[in-house]
C-alpha atoms as a PDB file:
ATOM      1  CA  MET A   1     105.737 100.373  83.580  1.00  0.00           C
ATOM      2  CA  ASN A   2     103.648 100.700  86.706  1.00  0.00           C
ATOM      3  CA  HIS A   3     103.422 104.364  87.694  1.00  0.00           C
ATOM      4  CA  LEU A   4     102.191 103.607  91.239  1.00  0.00           C
ATOM      5  CA  SER A   5     103.994 101.601  93.889  1.00  0.00           C
ATOM      6  CA  ALA A   6     103.024 100.507  97.385  1.00  0.00           C
ATOM      7  CA  HIS A   7     106.698  99.696  98.010  1.00  0.00           C
ATOM      8  CA  THR A   8     109.872 101.743  98.387  1.00  0.00           C
ATOM      9  CA  ILE A   9     110.885 103.288  95.062  1.00  0.00           C
ATOM     10  CA  ASN A  10     114.221 101.918  93.886  1.00  0.00           C
ATOM     11  CA  ILE A  11     115.827 105.084  92.522  1.00  0.00           C
ATOM     12  CA  PRO A  12     119.099 103.482  91.306  1.00  0.00           C
ATOM     13  CA  GLU A  13     117.127 100.871  89.378  1.00  0.00           C
ATOM     14  CA  LEU A  14     114.907 103.502  87.749  1.00  0.00           C
ATOM     15  CA  LEU A  15     117.912 105.653  86.890  1.00  0.00           C
ATOM     16  CA  SER A  16     119.665 102.676  85.288  1.00  0.00           C
ATOM     17  CA  LEU A  17     116.702 102.404  82.883  1.00  0.00           C
ATOM     18  CA  ALA A  18     116.838 106.094  81.990  1.00  0.00           C
ATOM     19  CA  HIS A  19     119.940 106.174  79.818  1.00  0.00           C
ATOM     20  CA  HIS A  20     119.607 106.559  76.055  1.00  0.00           C
ATOM     21  CA  PRO A  21     122.307 106.924  73.377  1.00  0.00           C
ATOM     22  CA  LYS A  22     120.651 110.072  71.962  1.00  0.00           C
ATOM     23  CA  ALA A  23     120.261 111.719  75.380  1.00  0.00           C
ATOM     24  CA  GLY A  24     122.866 114.207  76.539  1.00  0.00           C
ATOM     25  CA  ALA A  25     120.927 115.039  79.700  1.00  0.00           C
ATOM     26  CA  VAL A  26     119.135 113.002  82.352  1.00  0.00           C
ATOM     27  CA  VAL A  27     117.224 114.853  85.078  1.00  0.00           C
ATOM     28  CA  LEU A  28     115.950 113.083  88.192  1.00  0.00           C
ATOM     29  CA  PHE A  29     113.506 114.642  90.663  1.00  0.00           C
ATOM     30  CA  SER A  30     112.808 112.860  93.945  1.00  0.00           C
ATOM     31  CA  GLY A  31     109.987 114.220  96.104  1.00  0.00           C
ATOM     32  CA  GLU A  32     110.636 113.188  99.691  1.00  0.00           C
ATOM     33  CA  THR A  33     108.731 113.271 102.960  1.00  0.00           C
ATOM     34  CA  ARG A  34     110.024 116.061 105.159  1.00  0.00           C
ATOM     35  CA  ASP A  35     109.812 116.058 108.943  1.00  0.00           C
ATOM     36  CA  ASN A  36     107.642 119.183 109.254  1.00  0.00           C
ATOM     37  CA  SER A  37     104.572 120.782 107.706  1.00  0.00           C
ATOM     38  CA  HIS A  38     102.262 123.597 108.816  1.00  0.00           C
ATOM     39  CA  GLY A  39     104.537 124.205 111.823  1.00  0.00           C
ATOM     40  CA  LYS A  40     104.086 120.631 113.093  1.00  0.00           C
ATOM     41  CA  ASP A  41     106.375 117.610 113.299  1.00  0.00           C
ATOM     42  CA  VAL A  42     105.423 115.008 110.667  1.00  0.00           C
ATOM     43  CA  ASP A  43     105.328 111.344 111.660  1.00  0.00           C
ATOM     44  CA  TYR A  44     104.576 109.978 108.158  1.00  0.00           C
ATOM     45  CA  LEU A  45     102.443 110.467 105.047  1.00  0.00           C
ATOM     46  CA  GLN A  46      99.739 108.186 103.709  1.00  0.00           C
ATOM     47  CA  TYR A  47      98.913 108.279  99.984  1.00  0.00           C
ATOM     48  CA  GLU A  48      95.765 106.915  98.381  1.00  0.00           C
ATOM     49  CA  ALA A  49      94.990 106.842  94.672  1.00  0.00           C
ATOM     50  CA  GLN A  50      92.254 105.970  92.244  1.00  0.00           C
ATOM     51  CA  GLU A  51      94.757 103.572  90.721  1.00  0.00           C
ATOM     52  CA  SER A  52      93.415 102.830  87.238  1.00  0.00           C
ATOM     53  CA  MET A  53      92.678 106.491  86.521  1.00  0.00           C
ATOM     54  CA  ALA A  54      95.949 107.691  88.072  1.00  0.00           C
ATOM     55  CA  THR A  55      97.984 105.219  86.017  1.00  0.00           C
ATOM     56  CA  LYS A  56      96.302 106.274  82.768  1.00  0.00           C
ATOM     57  CA  MET A  57      96.676 109.969  83.568  1.00  0.00           C
ATOM     58  CA  ILE A  58     100.375 109.646  84.423  1.00  0.00           C
ATOM     59  CA  ALA A  59     100.949 107.722  81.185  1.00  0.00           C
ATOM     60  CA  GLY A  60      99.181 110.514  79.295  1.00  0.00           C
ATOM     61  CA  ILE A  61     101.245 113.223  81.010  1.00  0.00           C
ATOM     62  CA  LEU A  62     104.442 111.363  80.096  1.00  0.00           C
ATOM     63  CA  LEU A  63     103.307 111.111  76.465  1.00  0.00           C
ATOM     64  CA  GLN A  64     102.406 114.802  76.418  1.00  0.00           C
ATOM     65  CA  ALA A  65     105.807 115.806  77.848  1.00  0.00           C
ATOM     66  CA  SER A  66     107.655 113.439  75.509  1.00  0.00           C
ATOM     67  CA  ALA A  67     105.993 114.994  72.484  1.00  0.00           C
ATOM     68  CA  LYS A  68     106.392 118.612  73.652  1.00  0.00           C
ATOM     69  CA  TRP A  69     110.084 118.334  74.598  1.00  0.00           C
ATOM     70  CA  ASN A  70     111.186 115.501  72.278  1.00  0.00           C
ATOM     71  CA  LEU A  71     112.191 113.300  75.209  1.00  0.00           C
ATOM     72  CA  ASN A  72     114.069 110.067  74.747  1.00  0.00           C
ATOM     73  CA  ILE A  73     112.863 108.766  78.106  1.00  0.00           C
ATOM     74  CA  ALA A  74     110.192 109.854  80.591  1.00  0.00           C
ATOM     75  CA  VAL A  75     109.567 107.953  83.827  1.00  0.00           C
ATOM     76  CA  ALA A  76     107.240 108.690  86.737  1.00  0.00           C
ATOM     77  CA  VAL A  77     106.534 106.548  89.800  1.00  0.00           C
ATOM     78  CA  HIS A  78     104.430 107.689  92.767  1.00  0.00           C
ATOM     79  CA  ARG A  79     104.118 105.896  96.093  1.00  0.00           C
ATOM     80  CA  THR A  80     100.879 104.793  97.644  1.00  0.00           C
ATOM     81  CA  GLY A  81     100.441 103.726 101.247  1.00  0.00           C
ATOM     82  CA  LYS A  82     102.587 104.814 104.177  1.00  0.00           C
ATOM     83  CA  VAL A  83     105.704 106.873 103.378  1.00  0.00           C
ATOM     84  CA  ALA A  84     108.060 107.618 106.275  1.00  0.00           C
ATOM     85  CA  VAL A  85     110.067 110.807 106.788  1.00  0.00           C
ATOM     86  CA  SER A  86     113.048 110.940 104.369  1.00  0.00           C
ATOM     87  CA  GLU A  87     111.495 108.302 102.097  1.00  0.00           C
ATOM     88  CA  THR A  88     110.749 109.039  98.465  1.00  0.00           C
ATOM     89  CA  ALA A  89     107.115 109.717  97.601  1.00  0.00           C
ATOM     90  CA  VAL A  90     107.563 110.375  93.868  1.00  0.00           C
ATOM     91  CA  VAL A  91     110.301 110.099  91.253  1.00  0.00           C
ATOM     92  CA  ILE A  92     110.366 111.779  87.851  1.00  0.00           C
ATOM     93  CA  ILE A  93     113.159 111.068  85.363  1.00  0.00           C
ATOM     94  CA  THR A  94     113.492 112.734  81.976  1.00  0.00           C
ATOM     95  CA  ALA A  95     116.159 112.254  79.314  1.00  0.00           C
ATOM     96  CA  SER A  96     116.648 114.361  76.207  1.00  0.00           C
ATOM     97  CA  ALA A  97     119.340 115.629  73.871  1.00  0.00           C
ATOM     98  CA  HIS A  98     119.798 118.814  75.912  1.00  0.00           C
ATOM     99  CA  ARG A  99     119.384 119.791  79.577  1.00  0.00           C
ATOM    100  CA  SER A 100     116.896 122.613  79.045  1.00  0.00           C
ATOM    101  CA  GLU A 101     114.317 120.208  77.614  1.00  0.00           C
ATOM    102  CA  ALA A 102     114.974 117.570  80.281  1.00  0.00           C
ATOM    103  CA  TYR A 103     114.568 120.116  83.102  1.00  0.00           C
ATOM    104  CA  ALA A 104     111.461 121.766  81.621  1.00  0.00           C
ATOM    105  CA  ALA A 105     109.773 118.427  80.962  1.00  0.00           C
ATOM    106  CA  ASN A 106     110.596 117.169  84.448  1.00  0.00           C
ATOM    107  CA  ARG A 107     108.993 120.231  86.062  1.00  0.00           C
ATOM    108  CA  PHE A 108     105.964 119.943  83.769  1.00  0.00           C
ATOM    109  CA  ILE A 109     105.460 116.273  84.691  1.00  0.00           C
ATOM    110  CA  ILE A 110     105.648 116.731  88.471  1.00  0.00           C
ATOM    111  CA  ASP A 111     103.386 119.805  88.373  1.00  0.00           C
ATOM    112  CA  LYS A 112     100.757 118.010  86.265  1.00  0.00           C
ATOM    113  CA  ILE A 113     100.862 114.923  88.509  1.00  0.00           C
ATOM    114  CA  LYS A 114     100.595 117.014  91.678  1.00  0.00           C
ATOM    115  CA  HIS A 115      97.717 119.146  90.378  1.00  0.00           C
ATOM    116  CA  GLU A 116      95.655 116.741  88.294  1.00  0.00           C
ATOM    117  CA  VAL A 117      96.200 113.060  89.050  1.00  0.00           C
ATOM    118  CA  PRO A 118      93.823 111.481  91.602  1.00  0.00           C
ATOM    119  CA  ILE A 119      96.404 110.827  94.314  1.00  0.00           C
ATOM    120  CA  TRP A 120      95.567 112.067  97.805  1.00  0.00           C
ATOM    121  CA  LYS A 121      97.939 112.704 100.703  1.00  0.00           C
ATOM    122  CA  CYS A 122      97.212 112.563 104.423  1.00  0.00           C
ATOM    123  CA  GLU A 123      99.858 113.994 106.728  1.00  0.00           C
ATOM    124  CA  TYR A 124     100.080 112.282 110.126  1.00  0.00           C
ATOM    125  CA  PHE A 125     101.671 114.467 112.775  1.00  0.00           C
ATOM    126  CA  LYS A 126     103.558 113.441 115.897  1.00  0.00           C
ATOM    127  CA  ASP A 127     100.969 115.227 118.066  1.00  0.00           C
ATOM    128  CA  GLY A 128      98.371 112.647 116.910  1.00  0.00           C
ATOM    129  CA  SER A 129      96.543 114.944 114.496  1.00  0.00           C
ATOM    130  CA  ARG A 130      96.279 114.465 110.734  1.00  0.00           C
ATOM    131  CA  GLU A 131      95.427 116.541 107.699  1.00  0.00           C
ATOM    132  CA  TRP A 132      94.242 115.534 104.223  1.00  0.00           C
ATOM    133  CA  GLY A 133      95.304 117.517 101.192  1.00  0.00           C
ATOM    134  CA  GLY A 134      98.461 119.368 100.416  1.00  0.00           C
ATOM    135  CA  ASN A 135      98.901 117.970  96.901  1.00  0.00           C
ATOM    136  CA  CYS A 136      97.395 121.026  95.274  1.00  0.00           C
ATOM    137  CA  ASN A 137      96.696 124.242  97.132  1.00  0.00           C
ATOM    138  CA  CYS A 138      95.827 126.280  94.034  1.00  0.00           C
ATOM    139  CA  LYS A 139      92.325 127.032  95.300  1.00  0.00           C
ATOM    140  CA  GLU A 140      93.926 129.203  97.984  1.00  0.00           C
ATOM    141  CA  ILE A 141      95.682 131.202  95.238  1.00  0.00           C
ATOM    142  CA  THR A 142      93.106 131.252  92.420  1.00  0.00           C
ATOM    143  CA  GLY A 143      89.868 130.931  94.410  1.00  0.00           C
ATOM    144  CA  ASP A 144      88.805 128.062  92.123  1.00  0.00           C
ATOM    145  CA  ALA A 145      89.699 124.391  92.675  1.00  0.00           C
ATOM    146  CA  ASN A 146      89.690 123.899  88.876  1.00  0.00           C
ATOM    147  CA  LYS A 147      92.252 126.641  88.188  1.00  0.00           C
ATOM    148  CA  HIS A 148      95.818 125.526  88.694  1.00  0.00           C
ATOM    149  CA  VAL A 149      99.031 127.508  88.975  1.00  0.00           C
ATOM    150  CA  TYR A 150     101.845 125.958  86.976  1.00  0.00           C
ATOM    151  CA  GLU A 151     105.444 127.058  87.141  1.00  0.00           C
ATOM    152  CA  PHE A 152     106.915 124.666  84.579  1.00  0.00           C
ATOM    153  CA  GLU A 153     107.547 127.392  81.983  1.00  0.00           C
ATOM    154  CA  GLY A 154     109.593 129.616  84.275  1.00  0.00           C
ATOM    155  CA  LYS A 155     106.640 131.806  85.234  1.00  0.00           C
ATOM    156  CA  GLN A 156     103.308 131.209  86.874  1.00  0.00           C
ATOM    157  CA  ASP A 157     100.712 130.159  84.321  1.00  0.00           C
ATOM    158  CA  PHE A 158      97.023 129.802  85.099  1.00  0.00           C
ATOM    159  CA  ILE A 159      95.379 126.949  83.268  1.00  0.00           C
ATOM    160  CA  CYS A 160      91.694 126.223  83.748  1.00  0.00           C
ATOM    161  CA  ASP A 161      89.878 122.944  83.177  1.00  0.00           C
ATOM    162  CA  THR A 162      92.826 121.016  81.730  1.00  0.00           C
ATOM    163  CA  LYS A 163      91.804 117.637  80.374  1.00  0.00           C
ATOM    164  CA  ILE A 164      94.147 114.743  79.650  1.00  0.00           C
ATOM    165  CA  ILE A 165      93.143 112.332  76.924  1.00  0.00           C
ATOM    166  CA  VAL A 166      94.998 109.044  76.908  1.00  0.00           C
ATOM    167  CA  SER A 167      95.130 106.914  73.806  1.00  0.00           C
ATOM    168  CA  LYS A 168      94.438 103.198  74.097  1.00  0.00           C
ATOM    169  CA  ASP A 169      98.131 102.615  73.249  1.00  0.00           C
ATOM    170  CA  ALA A 170      99.154 104.316  76.522  1.00  0.00           C
ATOM    171  CA  GLN A 171      97.084 101.973  78.689  1.00  0.00           C
END
């Protein structure tokens, strides 16, 4: 599966692939472009990625989540290019035997993608200005760009220098 898409993400199609006979829970997260940020009206977002690295890292995050929460299915697709207001920028789908695992894994996956994967966002505002960043603002909280705040375990966890290792099978 391609984890990056320059085209509109087809959520119903992705969801149709996320059913499994051993799964009692399917959780879908859709991150969407809102019409405001930093007190300004947003025109659209533009995403850029280091595609080969981003694809491998997302695959590794999905493998990590699948192993930790015994997932039956884990899907992640992130947009690149121009994403209009109300369009989907990222979709995460997790399926497992029980809802607690599906929810926890889903949160873990989106947090890891947002904080660690080389995908960059530029917000274009209706006043003509633009601003890069916004994927990870942990430096403002921790004082260190390499320390991230994760909330996927129900509390804020500080993790420093996390490294993802992807096996050749995940490529």
